[in-house]
Amino acid sequence: MVFIPITPMDPIKTAAKPETIRQQTQIPFENVLEDAVTALQQAQATAEGDAYRLAIGDVDDLAQVQVNMLKAESMVQTTVQLTTRIVNAYKEIMQMQV
């Protein structure tokens, strides 16, 4: 049995200003939506391909086909819910009186 000696930790650097942290971590909302739609399209394409291969009898792993189908279905449901919430938020903002 080999024992590794305890080594000292590096000192903690001073924390960055909150403005700097916010600037580094901000992701444009458009990019988030674009990435989500791209992931949804990829999941749907995979599920469609699996469904086709299942229909012609060219599937070895039925469990993976089911997982891909459920993943695509849950992504569609999530997208629909997010779209509904975004539209509702937009409507509320438009109804605000300035």
N, C-alpha and C. Protein backbone atom coordinates (compact mmCIF):
# COMPACT_ATOMS: atom_id res chain seq x y z
N MET A 1 0.84 -1.16 0.00
CA MET A 1 0.00 0.00 0.00
C MET A 1 0.89 1.24 0.00
N VAL A 2 0.57 2.18 -0.89
CA VAL A 2 1.36 3.40 -1.02
C VAL A 2 0.57 4.57 -0.43
N PHE A 3 1.23 5.32 0.44
CA PHE A 3 0.60 6.49 1.03
C PHE A 3 1.11 7.74 0.33
N ILE A 4 0.18 8.60 -0.04
CA ILE A 4 0.54 9.86 -0.68
C ILE A 4 0.51 10.94 0.39
N PRO A 5 1.59 11.67 0.55
CA PRO A 5 1.61 12.70 1.60
C PRO A 5 0.65 13.84 1.28
N ILE A 6 0.19 14.48 2.32
CA ILE A 6 -0.70 15.62 2.17
C ILE A 6 0.11 16.80 1.67
N THR A 7 -0.40 17.44 0.62
CA THR A 7 0.29 18.60 0.07
C THR A 7 -0.50 19.86 0.42
N PRO A 8 0.18 20.96 0.62
CA PRO A 8 -0.55 22.19 0.96
C PRO A 8 -1.39 22.67 -0.21
N MET A 9 -2.52 23.30 0.13
CA MET A 9 -3.42 23.84 -0.89
C MET A 9 -2.91 25.19 -1.36
N ASP A 10 -3.25 25.51 -2.62
CA ASP A 10 -2.91 26.83 -3.15
C ASP A 10 -3.79 27.86 -2.46
N PRO A 11 -3.26 29.06 -2.21
CA PRO A 11 -4.08 30.09 -1.57
C PRO A 11 -5.24 30.51 -2.48
N ILE A 12 -6.34 30.88 -1.85
CA ILE A 12 -7.52 31.31 -2.60
C ILE A 12 -7.27 32.73 -3.11
N LYS A 13 -7.54 32.91 -4.38
CA LYS A 13 -7.36 34.23 -4.97
C LYS A 13 -8.51 35.13 -4.56
N THR A 14 -8.29 36.42 -4.63
CA THR A 14 -9.35 37.35 -4.27
C THR A 14 -10.51 37.20 -5.24
N ALA A 15 -11.69 37.36 -4.71
CA ALA A 15 -12.90 37.20 -5.53
C ALA A 15 -13.01 38.33 -6.53
N ALA A 16 -13.54 37.99 -7.70
CA ALA A 16 -13.74 39.00 -8.74
C ALA A 16 -14.96 39.85 -8.39
N LYS A 17 -15.04 41.01 -8.99
CA LYS A 17 -16.19 41.87 -8.77
C LYS A 17 -17.43 41.23 -9.39
N PRO A 18 -18.62 41.44 -8.80
CA PRO A 18 -19.84 40.83 -9.34
C PRO A 18 -20.10 41.22 -10.80
N GLU A 19 -19.75 42.45 -11.20
CA GLU A 19 -19.98 42.87 -12.58
C GLU A 19 -19.16 42.02 -13.54
N THR A 20 -17.92 41.73 -13.14
CA THR A 20 -17.05 40.91 -13.98
C THR A 20 -17.61 39.50 -14.11
N ILE A 21 -18.09 38.96 -13.02
CA ILE A 21 -18.66 37.61 -13.04
C ILE A 21 -19.90 37.58 -13.94
N ARG A 22 -20.77 38.57 -13.81
CA ARG A 22 -21.98 38.62 -14.64
C ARG A 22 -21.63 38.72 -16.12
N GLN A 23 -20.63 39.52 -16.45
CA GLN A 23 -20.24 39.68 -17.84
C GLN A 23 -19.68 38.38 -18.41
N GLN A 24 -18.99 37.63 -17.59
CA GLN A 24 -18.39 36.39 -18.06
C GLN A 24 -19.41 35.28 -18.20
N THR A 25 -20.48 35.30 -17.41
CA THR A 25 -21.43 34.20 -17.40
C THR A 25 -22.69 34.47 -18.21
N GLN A 26 -22.86 35.63 -18.76
CA GLN A 26 -24.07 35.92 -19.51
C GLN A 26 -24.04 35.23 -20.86
N ILE A 27 -25.15 34.56 -21.17
CA ILE A 27 -25.31 33.91 -22.45
C ILE A 27 -26.55 34.52 -23.09
N PRO A 28 -26.45 35.00 -24.32
CA PRO A 28 -27.61 35.60 -24.95
C PRO A 28 -28.78 34.61 -25.03
N PHE A 29 -29.97 35.11 -24.75
CA PHE A 29 -31.18 34.27 -24.75
C PHE A 29 -31.39 33.63 -26.11
N GLU A 30 -31.05 34.35 -27.15
CA GLU A 30 -31.21 33.82 -28.51
C GLU A 30 -30.37 32.56 -28.70
N ASN A 31 -29.15 32.56 -28.18
CA ASN A 31 -28.27 31.39 -28.30
C ASN A 31 -28.82 30.20 -27.54
N VAL A 32 -29.40 30.46 -26.37
CA VAL A 32 -29.98 29.38 -25.58
C VAL A 32 -31.13 28.73 -26.34
N LEU A 33 -32.00 29.55 -26.90
CA LEU A 33 -33.13 29.01 -27.67
C LEU A 33 -32.64 28.28 -28.92
N GLU A 34 -31.68 28.84 -29.58
CA GLU A 34 -31.15 28.22 -30.80
C GLU A 34 -30.53 26.85 -30.49
N ASP A 35 -29.78 26.77 -29.41
CA ASP A 35 -29.18 25.49 -29.01
C ASP A 35 -30.24 24.47 -28.64
N ALA A 36 -31.30 24.92 -27.95
CA ALA A 36 -32.37 24.01 -27.55
C ALA A 36 -33.11 23.48 -28.76
N VAL A 37 -33.39 24.34 -29.73
CA VAL A 37 -34.09 23.90 -30.94
C VAL A 37 -33.21 22.94 -31.75
N THR A 38 -31.92 23.22 -31.82
CA THR A 38 -31.00 22.33 -32.52
C THR A 38 -30.96 20.96 -31.86
N ALA A 39 -30.89 20.93 -30.54
CA ALA A 39 -30.88 19.65 -29.81
C ALA A 39 -32.19 18.90 -30.03
N LEU A 40 -33.31 19.63 -30.06
CA LEU A 40 -34.61 19.01 -30.31
C LEU A 40 -34.65 18.40 -31.70
N GLN A 41 -34.17 19.12 -32.69
CA GLN A 41 -34.16 18.61 -34.06
C GLN A 41 -33.28 17.36 -34.18
N GLN A 42 -32.15 17.37 -33.51
CA GLN A 42 -31.26 16.20 -33.55
C GLN A 42 -31.91 14.99 -32.89
N ALA A 43 -32.58 15.22 -31.75
CA ALA A 43 -33.25 14.12 -31.06
C ALA A 43 -34.39 13.56 -31.90
N GLN A 44 -35.14 14.45 -32.57
CA GLN A 44 -36.22 13.99 -33.42
C GLN A 44 -35.69 13.21 -34.62
N ALA A 45 -34.60 13.67 -35.20
CA ALA A 45 -34.01 12.97 -36.34
C ALA A 45 -33.53 11.58 -35.92
N THR A 46 -32.92 11.49 -34.74
CA THR A 46 -32.47 10.19 -34.24
C THR A 46 -33.65 9.26 -34.00
N ALA A 47 -34.72 9.79 -33.41
CA ALA A 47 -35.90 8.97 -33.14
C ALA A 47 -36.57 8.52 -34.44
N GLU A 48 -36.62 9.41 -35.42
CA GLU A 48 -37.20 9.03 -36.71
C GLU A 48 -36.37 7.95 -37.40
N GLY A 49 -35.06 8.09 -37.33
CA GLY A 49 -34.17 7.08 -37.91
C GLY A 49 -34.34 5.73 -37.21
N ASP A 50 -34.46 5.78 -35.88
CA ASP A 50 -34.68 4.55 -35.14
C ASP A 50 -36.02 3.92 -35.48
N ALA A 51 -37.05 4.76 -35.64
CA ALA A 51 -38.38 4.24 -35.99
C ALA A 51 -38.35 3.57 -37.36
N TYR A 52 -37.64 4.17 -38.29
CA TYR A 52 -37.53 3.59 -39.63
C TYR A 52 -36.80 2.25 -39.57
N ARG A 53 -35.66 2.23 -38.85
CA ARG A 53 -34.90 0.98 -38.74
C ARG A 53 -35.69 -0.10 -38.02
N LEU A 54 -36.51 0.31 -37.03
CA LEU A 54 -37.36 -0.64 -36.33
C LEU A 54 -38.42 -1.21 -37.28
N ALA A 55 -38.98 -0.35 -38.14
CA ALA A 55 -40.02 -0.78 -39.07
C ALA A 55 -39.49 -1.78 -40.10
N ILE A 56 -38.23 -1.63 -40.49
CA ILE A 56 -37.69 -2.55 -41.48
C ILE A 56 -36.98 -3.75 -40.83
N GLY A 57 -36.96 -3.75 -39.50
CA GLY A 57 -36.38 -4.89 -38.78
C GLY A 57 -34.87 -4.87 -38.68
N ASP A 58 -34.29 -3.70 -38.70
CA ASP A 58 -32.83 -3.57 -38.68
C ASP A 58 -32.33 -3.02 -37.34
N VAL A 59 -33.00 -3.40 -36.23
CA VAL A 59 -32.64 -2.88 -34.91
C VAL A 59 -32.15 -4.02 -34.04
N ASP A 60 -30.98 -3.82 -33.44
CA ASP A 60 -30.44 -4.82 -32.53
C ASP A 60 -30.74 -4.48 -31.07
N ASP A 61 -30.83 -3.20 -30.76
CA ASP A 61 -31.01 -2.76 -29.38
C ASP A 61 -32.34 -2.01 -29.24
N LEU A 62 -33.38 -2.74 -28.91
CA LEU A 62 -34.71 -2.13 -28.78
C LEU A 62 -34.77 -1.13 -27.63
N ALA A 63 -34.03 -1.40 -26.57
CA ALA A 63 -34.03 -0.48 -25.42
C ALA A 63 -33.50 0.89 -25.82
N GLN A 64 -32.46 0.94 -26.64
CA GLN A 64 -31.91 2.22 -27.07
C GLN A 64 -32.91 2.97 -27.94
N VAL A 65 -33.66 2.25 -28.76
CA VAL A 65 -34.70 2.87 -29.59
C VAL A 65 -35.75 3.52 -28.69
N GLN A 66 -36.17 2.80 -27.64
CA GLN A 66 -37.15 3.34 -26.72
C GLN A 66 -36.62 4.57 -25.99
N VAL A 67 -35.36 4.51 -25.58
CA VAL A 67 -34.75 5.66 -24.89
C VAL A 67 -34.72 6.88 -25.82
N ASN A 68 -34.33 6.67 -27.07
CA ASN A 68 -34.28 7.79 -28.02
C ASN A 68 -35.66 8.36 -28.28
N MET A 69 -36.67 7.50 -28.37
CA MET A 69 -38.05 7.97 -28.58
C MET A 69 -38.53 8.78 -27.38
N LEU A 70 -38.29 8.28 -26.18
CA LEU A 70 -38.72 9.00 -24.98
C LEU A 70 -37.96 10.32 -24.81
N LYS A 71 -36.69 10.32 -25.17
CA LYS A 71 -35.91 11.55 -25.09
C LYS A 71 -36.49 12.61 -26.03
N ALA A 72 -36.80 12.21 -27.26
CA ALA A 72 -37.38 13.15 -28.22
C ALA A 72 -38.75 13.63 -27.75
N GLU A 73 -39.55 12.72 -27.20
CA GLU A 73 -40.88 13.10 -26.72
C GLU A 73 -40.79 14.10 -25.56
N SER A 74 -39.89 13.84 -24.62
CA SER A 74 -39.77 14.76 -23.48
C SER A 74 -39.22 16.11 -23.92
N MET A 75 -38.34 16.13 -24.91
CA MET A 75 -37.82 17.40 -25.41
C MET A 75 -38.92 18.20 -26.11
N VAL A 76 -39.81 17.51 -26.82
CA VAL A 76 -40.93 18.21 -27.47
C VAL A 76 -41.85 18.80 -26.41
N GLN A 77 -42.16 18.03 -25.38
CA GLN A 77 -43.03 18.53 -24.31
C GLN A 77 -42.41 19.73 -23.60
N THR A 78 -41.12 19.65 -23.35
CA THR A 78 -40.43 20.77 -22.70
C THR A 78 -40.44 22.01 -23.59
N THR A 79 -40.21 21.81 -24.88
CA THR A 79 -40.21 22.94 -25.82
C THR A 79 -41.59 23.59 -25.88
N VAL A 80 -42.64 22.79 -25.89
CA VAL A 80 -43.99 23.34 -25.93
C VAL A 80 -44.28 24.13 -24.66
N GLN A 81 -43.90 23.60 -23.51
CA GLN A 81 -44.13 24.31 -22.25
C GLN A 81 -43.34 25.62 -22.20
N LEU A 82 -42.08 25.58 -22.62
CA LEU A 82 -41.28 26.81 -22.61
C LEU A 82 -41.84 27.84 -23.58
N THR A 83 -42.28 27.38 -24.75
CA THR A 83 -42.86 28.31 -25.72
C THR A 83 -44.10 28.97 -25.15
N THR A 84 -44.94 28.18 -24.49
CA THR A 84 -46.15 28.72 -23.89
C THR A 84 -45.81 29.77 -22.82
N ARG A 85 -44.82 29.46 -22.00
CA ARG A 85 -44.43 30.40 -20.95
C ARG A 85 -43.83 31.68 -21.53
N ILE A 86 -43.05 31.55 -22.58
CA ILE A 86 -42.46 32.72 -23.21
C ILE A 86 -43.54 33.61 -23.81
N VAL A 87 -44.50 33.00 -24.49
CA VAL A 87 -45.60 33.77 -25.09
C VAL A 87 -46.41 34.46 -24.00
N ASN A 88 -46.69 33.76 -22.90
CA ASN A 88 -47.44 34.37 -21.80
C ASN A 88 -46.67 35.53 -21.17
N ALA A 89 -45.38 35.37 -21.01
CA ALA A 89 -44.56 36.45 -20.45
C ALA A 89 -44.56 37.65 -21.39
N TYR A 90 -44.47 37.39 -22.69
CA TYR A 90 -44.49 38.47 -23.67
C TYR A 90 -45.83 39.21 -23.60
N LYS A 91 -46.93 38.47 -23.50
CA LYS A 91 -48.24 39.09 -23.41
C LYS A 91 -48.35 39.96 -22.16
N GLU A 92 -47.84 39.47 -21.04
CA GLU A 92 -47.88 40.26 -19.81
C GLU A 92 -47.07 41.54 -19.95
N ILE A 93 -45.91 41.44 -20.55
CA ILE A 93 -45.07 42.63 -20.74
C ILE A 93 -45.77 43.64 -21.63
N MET A 94 -46.41 43.16 -22.69
CA MET A 94 -47.09 44.06 -23.61
C MET A 94 -48.30 44.73 -22.98
N GLN A 95 -48.90 44.10 -21.95
CA GLN A 95 -50.06 44.68 -21.30
C GLN A 95 -49.69 45.64 -20.19
N MET A 96 -48.43 45.72 -19.83
CA MET A 96 -48.00 46.65 -18.78
C MET A 96 -48.14 48.08 -19.26
N GLN A 97 -48.59 48.91 -18.35
CA GLN A 97 -48.71 50.31 -18.67
C GLN A 97 -47.47 51.04 -18.20
N VAL A 98 -46.93 51.86 -19.06
CA VAL A 98 -45.71 52.57 -18.73
C VAL A 98 -46.03 53.91 -18.14
